[in-house]
Structures are given as C-alpha cells and as structure tokens.
Amino acid sequence: MKNILTRLWSFVFSDNRSDREKEKEKHFIEAINQLETLTATPEGKMSIDPEEIRDQILKSREAYRDFVDPSHRRRR
C-alpha cells in the first residue's frame, strides 16, 4: 500500500528540477545536519549558535585557501 501511495505522490508532484540543483540541495541538507547547535521550534523557526557558524566559516576559508589567487588575498 505504501509503495502505491509513494508512486502516486511522485507522479502527481514530480520533481522537475535539474540533477545539479537536486545535488546542491542534498549537500546543503548534509551540511545543516552536521551543525551541533541547530534547534527548531514546532512553529518552524530555527536558531543556531553564532560561534558555531563563525567556526565553520573559518574552517571553510582555510580549506579553500589554495583556490584563491594570492593577489586577491587581503594583507593583514
């Protein structure tokens, strides 16, 4: 029964997005799921510790530092 409903739902509400867009959404959801301080309320509001976001940004900057042309980097 569940299989029939799933197939019917897929037929009626088909996802017409490109594979690239679906892949981007999948990566975004995986990244969100890795956040430790993410909380959601029953109303759908979400919050996260700003320090965790800051730490994630700094890690990402460091990981992708080699992709930035040295002439574009700021001098500190």
Protein backbone atom coordinates (compact mmCIF):
# COMPACT_ATOMS: atom_id res chain seq x y z
CA MET A 1 0.00 0.00 0.00
CA LYS A 2 2.79 2.41 0.92
CA ASN A 3 4.55 1.73 -2.38
CA ILE A 4 1.42 2.59 -4.36
CA LEU A 5 0.94 5.85 -2.46
CA THR A 6 4.60 6.76 -2.97
CA ARG A 7 4.37 6.15 -6.70
CA LEU A 8 1.12 8.10 -6.95
CA TRP A 9 2.61 11.02 -4.98
CA SER A 10 5.69 11.01 -7.25
CA PHE A 11 3.52 11.01 -10.33
CA VAL A 12 1.27 13.86 -9.21
CA PHE A 13 4.01 16.00 -7.66
CA SER A 14 7.02 15.21 -9.84
CA ASP A 15 10.30 17.00 -9.15
CA ASN A 16 11.26 18.78 -12.36
CA ARG A 17 14.48 20.29 -11.06
CA SER A 18 17.81 19.52 -12.71
CA ASP A 19 20.10 16.88 -11.22
CA ARG A 20 22.60 19.61 -10.37
CA GLU A 21 20.02 21.51 -8.33
CA LYS A 22 18.94 18.33 -6.52
CA GLU A 23 22.59 17.57 -5.71
CA LYS A 24 23.12 21.09 -4.33
CA GLU A 25 20.08 20.69 -2.09
CA LYS A 26 21.37 17.32 -0.87
CA HIS A 27 24.77 18.83 0.04
CA PHE A 28 23.07 21.73 1.82
CA ILE A 29 20.94 19.36 3.92
CA GLU A 30 24.01 17.29 4.80
CA ALA A 31 25.86 20.43 5.90
CA ILE A 32 22.93 21.59 8.03
CA ASN A 33 22.66 18.17 9.66
CA GLN A 34 26.30 18.44 10.78
CA LEU A 35 25.60 21.55 12.85
CA GLU A 36 25.52 20.70 16.54
CA THR A 37 23.66 23.70 17.97
CA LEU A 38 20.86 23.89 15.41
CA THR A 39 17.45 23.91 17.08
CA ALA A 40 13.99 24.11 15.55
CA THR A 41 10.72 25.07 17.17
CA PRO A 42 7.35 23.44 16.41
CA GLU A 43 6.41 26.63 14.52
CA GLY A 44 9.33 26.09 12.14
CA LYS A 45 11.73 28.73 13.45
CA MET A 46 15.39 27.78 13.58
CA SER A 47 18.32 29.09 15.58
CA ILE A 48 22.00 28.30 15.84
CA ASP A 49 24.89 29.45 17.96
CA PRO A 50 26.71 32.26 16.06
CA GLU A 51 30.06 30.96 17.30
CA GLU A 52 29.48 27.65 15.54
CA ILE A 53 28.73 29.45 12.27
CA ARG A 54 31.88 31.55 12.70
CA ASP A 55 33.99 28.44 13.32
CA GLN A 56 32.54 26.70 10.24
CA ILE A 57 33.28 29.74 8.05
CA LEU A 58 36.85 29.95 9.27
CA LYS A 59 37.39 26.22 8.62
CA SER A 60 35.96 26.56 5.12
CA ARG A 61 38.12 29.57 4.34
CA GLU A 62 41.20 27.67 5.41
CA ALA A 63 40.22 24.57 3.43
CA TYR A 64 39.67 26.52 0.19
CA ARG A 65 42.51 28.97 0.62
CA ASP A 66 44.52 27.35 -2.20
CA PHE A 67 41.77 28.16 -4.72
CA VAL A 68 42.11 31.92 -4.23
CA ASP A 69 44.69 33.78 -6.28
CA PRO A 70 47.33 35.18 -3.88
CA SER A 71 46.98 38.65 -5.43
CA HIS A 72 43.34 38.72 -4.28
CA ARG A 73 44.06 37.90 -0.65
CA ARG A 74 43.97 40.70 1.89
CA ARG A 75 47.11 41.57 3.71
CA ARG A 76 46.80 41.53 7.45
